[in-house]
Amino acid sequence: MTPTPQTIRTTRTAAGLTQSEAAQLVYLTRRQTWLEYEAGRRPMPEATWELFQLKTRSTTLRERWNFEKNRSIAIVTPMLNVVCLSDC
């Protein structure tokens, strides 16, 4: 499902990212493209939205959890990618 411009903006700001940082996170070469997603001038592809959600969730988890030193923790995403949350 393609997200609305408001959903894109709200999710980005909740993750604490600028438009440039969000664009880089999903491998966009131009910040202008992200700006167009948020302005509703261009629909965000579903694959880009899914990647952004996965990456911002990982960042949020990493920041919220307090890990013990020398402990390796990882999660497996629905796409079966391993995301390391500490030294793996």
N, C-alpha and C. Protein backbone atom coordinates (compact mmCIF):
# COMPACT_ATOMS: atom_id res chain seq x y z
N MET A 1 0.84 -1.18 0.00
CA MET A 1 0.00 0.00 0.00
C MET A 1 0.89 1.25 0.00
N THR A 2 0.63 2.17 -0.87
CA THR A 2 1.39 3.41 -0.96
C THR A 2 0.99 4.34 0.20
N PRO A 3 1.97 4.86 0.94
CA PRO A 3 1.65 5.73 2.07
C PRO A 3 1.21 7.12 1.61
N THR A 4 0.46 7.79 2.46
CA THR A 4 0.07 9.17 2.17
C THR A 4 1.25 10.09 2.46
N PRO A 5 1.27 11.28 1.87
CA PRO A 5 2.34 12.24 2.18
C PRO A 5 2.44 12.53 3.68
N GLN A 6 1.30 12.65 4.36
CA GLN A 6 1.31 12.93 5.80
C GLN A 6 1.95 11.78 6.57
N THR A 7 1.66 10.54 6.18
CA THR A 7 2.24 9.38 6.84
C THR A 7 3.76 9.35 6.65
N ILE A 8 4.20 9.67 5.45
CA ILE A 8 5.65 9.71 5.17
C ILE A 8 6.33 10.75 6.06
N ARG A 9 5.77 11.94 6.11
CA ARG A 9 6.34 13.03 6.90
C ARG A 9 6.34 12.70 8.38
N THR A 10 5.22 12.18 8.88
CA THR A 10 5.10 11.85 10.29
C THR A 10 6.09 10.76 10.69
N THR A 11 6.22 9.73 9.86
CA THR A 11 7.15 8.64 10.16
C THR A 11 8.59 9.13 10.15
N ARG A 12 8.93 9.98 9.19
CA ARG A 12 10.29 10.53 9.11
C ARG A 12 10.62 11.36 10.34
N THR A 13 9.72 12.24 10.72
CA THR A 13 10.00 13.12 11.87
C THR A 13 10.03 12.32 13.17
N ALA A 14 9.19 11.28 13.27
CA ALA A 14 9.21 10.43 14.47
C ALA A 14 10.54 9.69 14.59
N ALA A 15 11.15 9.39 13.46
CA ALA A 15 12.46 8.73 13.47
C ALA A 15 13.59 9.72 13.72
N GLY A 16 13.26 11.02 13.74
CA GLY A 16 14.28 12.04 14.00
C GLY A 16 15.20 12.29 12.83
N LEU A 17 14.69 12.11 11.61
CA LEU A 17 15.51 12.26 10.40
C LEU A 17 15.13 13.50 9.62
N THR A 18 16.11 14.10 8.96
CA THR A 18 15.84 15.17 8.01
C THR A 18 15.42 14.52 6.70
N GLN A 19 14.94 15.33 5.77
CA GLN A 19 14.58 14.78 4.46
C GLN A 19 15.81 14.21 3.76
N SER A 20 16.93 14.87 3.88
CA SER A 20 18.17 14.37 3.27
C SER A 20 18.59 13.04 3.87
N GLU A 21 18.52 12.92 5.18
CA GLU A 21 18.89 11.67 5.85
C GLU A 21 17.95 10.53 5.45
N ALA A 22 16.66 10.83 5.38
CA ALA A 22 15.69 9.82 4.98
C ALA A 22 15.95 9.35 3.55
N ALA A 23 16.24 10.29 2.67
CA ALA A 23 16.53 9.95 1.27
C ALA A 23 17.76 9.05 1.18
N GLN A 24 18.79 9.38 1.91
CA GLN A 24 20.01 8.56 1.90
C GLN A 24 19.76 7.17 2.47
N LEU A 25 18.91 7.08 3.48
CA LEU A 25 18.62 5.81 4.13
C LEU A 25 18.02 4.79 3.16
N VAL A 26 17.22 5.26 2.20
CA VAL A 26 16.59 4.35 1.23
C VAL A 26 17.25 4.44 -0.15
N TYR A 27 18.48 4.94 -0.18
CA TYR A 27 19.31 4.97 -1.38
C TYR A 27 18.79 5.86 -2.50
N LEU A 28 18.10 6.95 -2.14
CA LEU A 28 17.70 7.93 -3.15
C LEU A 28 18.90 8.83 -3.41
N THR A 29 19.13 9.16 -4.66
CA THR A 29 20.28 10.00 -4.99
C THR A 29 19.95 11.50 -4.91
N ARG A 30 18.65 11.82 -4.81
CA ARG A 30 18.25 13.22 -4.74
C ARG A 30 17.30 13.45 -3.57
N ARG A 31 17.57 14.46 -2.75
CA ARG A 31 16.66 14.82 -1.67
C ARG A 31 15.34 15.31 -2.26
N GLN A 32 15.40 15.88 -3.44
CA GLN A 32 14.20 16.41 -4.10
C GLN A 32 13.13 15.32 -4.26
N THR A 33 13.56 14.09 -4.53
CA THR A 33 12.61 12.99 -4.68
C THR A 33 11.84 12.78 -3.39
N TRP A 34 12.55 12.78 -2.25
CA TRP A 34 11.86 12.62 -0.95
C TRP A 34 10.90 13.78 -0.72
N LEU A 35 11.34 14.98 -1.05
CA LEU A 35 10.48 16.16 -0.90
C LEU A 35 9.20 16.00 -1.71
N GLU A 36 9.32 15.45 -2.91
CA GLU A 36 8.15 15.22 -3.77
C GLU A 36 7.21 14.17 -3.16
N TYR A 37 7.77 13.16 -2.48
CA TYR A 37 6.93 12.17 -1.79
C TYR A 37 6.11 12.86 -0.70
N GLU A 38 6.77 13.68 0.10
CA GLU A 38 6.09 14.35 1.21
C GLU A 38 5.09 15.41 0.75
N ALA A 39 5.34 16.00 -0.41
CA ALA A 39 4.44 17.02 -0.94
C ALA A 39 3.26 16.40 -1.70
N GLY A 40 3.32 15.11 -1.97
CA GLY A 40 2.25 14.45 -2.71
C GLY A 40 2.35 14.62 -4.22
N ARG A 41 3.49 15.10 -4.70
CA ARG A 41 3.67 15.27 -6.14
C ARG A 41 4.11 13.99 -6.83
N ARG A 42 4.56 13.02 -6.03
CA ARG A 42 5.02 11.75 -6.57
C ARG A 42 4.69 10.66 -5.55
N PRO A 43 4.09 9.55 -5.97
CA PRO A 43 3.81 8.48 -5.01
C PRO A 43 5.10 7.72 -4.66
N MET A 44 5.24 7.37 -3.39
CA MET A 44 6.40 6.60 -2.97
C MET A 44 6.16 5.13 -3.34
N PRO A 45 7.12 4.51 -4.02
CA PRO A 45 6.97 3.08 -4.34
C PRO A 45 6.86 2.25 -3.05
N GLU A 46 6.07 1.19 -3.11
CA GLU A 46 5.87 0.35 -1.94
C GLU A 46 7.18 -0.22 -1.40
N ALA A 47 8.07 -0.62 -2.29
CA ALA A 47 9.35 -1.19 -1.86
C ALA A 47 10.18 -0.16 -1.09
N THR A 48 10.14 1.09 -1.52
CA THR A 48 10.87 2.15 -0.83
C THR A 48 10.27 2.38 0.54
N TRP A 49 8.95 2.39 0.63
CA TRP A 49 8.27 2.58 1.91
C TRP A 49 8.59 1.45 2.88
N GLU A 50 8.56 0.21 2.38
CA GLU A 50 8.87 -0.93 3.24
C GLU A 50 10.30 -0.87 3.74
N LEU A 51 11.24 -0.51 2.88
CA LEU A 51 12.64 -0.38 3.29
C LEU A 51 12.78 0.70 4.35
N PHE A 52 12.12 1.83 4.15
CA PHE A 52 12.20 2.92 5.13
C PHE A 52 11.64 2.48 6.48
N GLN A 53 10.53 1.78 6.47
CA GLN A 53 9.94 1.30 7.73
C GLN A 53 10.87 0.33 8.44
N LEU A 54 11.45 -0.60 7.70
CA LEU A 54 12.37 -1.56 8.31
C LEU A 54 13.59 -0.87 8.91
N LYS A 55 14.15 0.05 8.16
CA LYS A 55 15.36 0.71 8.65
C LYS A 55 15.08 1.64 9.83
N THR A 56 13.98 2.32 9.82
CA THR A 56 13.69 3.23 10.94
C THR A 56 13.30 2.45 12.18
N ARG A 57 12.65 1.31 12.04
CA ARG A 57 12.36 0.45 13.20
C ARG A 57 13.65 -0.04 13.83
N SER A 58 14.61 -0.46 13.01
CA SER A 58 15.88 -0.95 13.52
C SER A 58 16.61 0.13 14.30
N THR A 59 16.60 1.35 13.76
CA THR A 59 17.25 2.46 14.44
C THR A 59 16.56 2.75 15.76
N THR A 60 15.24 2.72 15.78
CA THR A 60 14.49 2.99 17.00
C THR A 60 14.79 1.93 18.05
N LEU A 61 14.82 0.67 17.66
CA LEU A 61 15.14 -0.39 18.61
C LEU A 61 16.53 -0.23 19.19
N ARG A 62 17.49 0.08 18.33
CA ARG A 62 18.86 0.22 18.78
C ARG A 62 18.98 1.34 19.80
N GLU A 63 18.27 2.44 19.59
CA GLU A 63 18.35 3.57 20.50
C GLU A 63 17.61 3.31 21.80
N ARG A 64 16.55 2.53 21.79
CA ARG A 64 15.75 2.31 22.98
C ARG A 64 16.30 1.25 23.91
N TRP A 65 16.98 0.28 23.37
CA TRP A 65 17.44 -0.85 24.17
C TRP A 65 18.81 -0.53 24.76
N ASN A 66 19.02 -0.99 25.96
CA ASN A 66 20.31 -0.82 26.61
C ASN A 66 20.97 -2.19 26.68
N PHE A 67 22.00 -2.40 25.87
CA PHE A 67 22.63 -3.70 25.79
C PHE A 67 23.81 -3.81 26.73
N GLU A 68 24.00 -5.03 27.24
CA GLU A 68 25.17 -5.31 28.06
C GLU A 68 26.39 -5.36 27.15
N LYS A 69 27.53 -4.99 27.70
CA LYS A 69 28.77 -5.02 26.93
C LYS A 69 29.10 -6.47 26.55
N ASN A 70 29.62 -6.64 25.33
CA ASN A 70 30.02 -7.94 24.79
C ASN A 70 28.85 -8.90 24.60
N ARG A 71 27.68 -8.40 24.39
CA ARG A 71 26.52 -9.25 24.14
C ARG A 71 26.03 -8.98 22.73
N SER A 72 25.91 -10.01 21.92
CA SER A 72 25.44 -9.86 20.54
C SER A 72 23.96 -10.17 20.47
N ILE A 73 23.21 -9.25 19.88
CA ILE A 73 21.78 -9.43 19.71
C ILE A 73 21.42 -9.04 18.28
N ALA A 74 20.59 -9.87 17.67
CA ALA A 74 20.14 -9.57 16.31
C ALA A 74 18.66 -9.94 16.20
N ILE A 75 17.99 -9.30 15.25
CA ILE A 75 16.61 -9.66 14.95
C ILE A 75 16.55 -10.08 13.49
N VAL A 76 15.54 -10.86 13.17
CA VAL A 76 15.33 -11.26 11.78
C VAL A 76 14.05 -10.58 11.32
N THR A 77 14.14 -9.82 10.25
CA THR A 77 13.00 -9.09 9.72
C THR A 77 12.09 -10.05 8.96
N PRO A 78 10.86 -9.61 8.64
CA PRO A 78 9.96 -10.46 7.85
C PRO A 78 10.55 -10.87 6.50
N MET A 79 11.49 -10.10 5.99
CA MET A 79 12.12 -10.44 4.72
C MET A 79 13.33 -11.34 4.91
N LEU A 80 13.53 -11.84 6.16
CA LEU A 80 14.60 -12.74 6.54
C LEU A 80 15.99 -12.11 6.46
N ASN A 81 16.06 -10.80 6.64
CA ASN A 81 17.33 -10.11 6.76
C ASN A 81 17.71 -10.07 8.22
N VAL A 82 18.98 -10.29 8.51
CA VAL A 82 19.43 -10.20 9.90
C VAL A 82 19.87 -8.78 10.16
N VAL A 83 19.35 -8.19 11.23
CA VAL A 83 19.70 -6.83 11.61
C VAL A 83 20.41 -6.91 12.96
N CYS A 84 21.66 -6.56 12.99
CA CYS A 84 22.43 -6.59 14.23
C CYS A 84 22.10 -5.36 15.05
N LEU A 85 21.80 -5.58 16.32
CA LEU A 85 21.49 -4.48 17.21
C LEU A 85 22.65 -4.19 18.15
N SER A 86 23.66 -5.00 18.10
CA SER A 86 24.89 -4.77 18.84
C SER A 86 25.99 -5.44 18.04
N ASP A 87 27.18 -5.57 18.60
CA ASP A 87 28.28 -6.17 17.86
C ASP A 87 27.96 -7.61 17.51
N CYS A 88 27.86 -7.90 16.22
CA CYS A 88 27.56 -9.27 15.77
C CYS A 88 28.76 -9.85 15.06
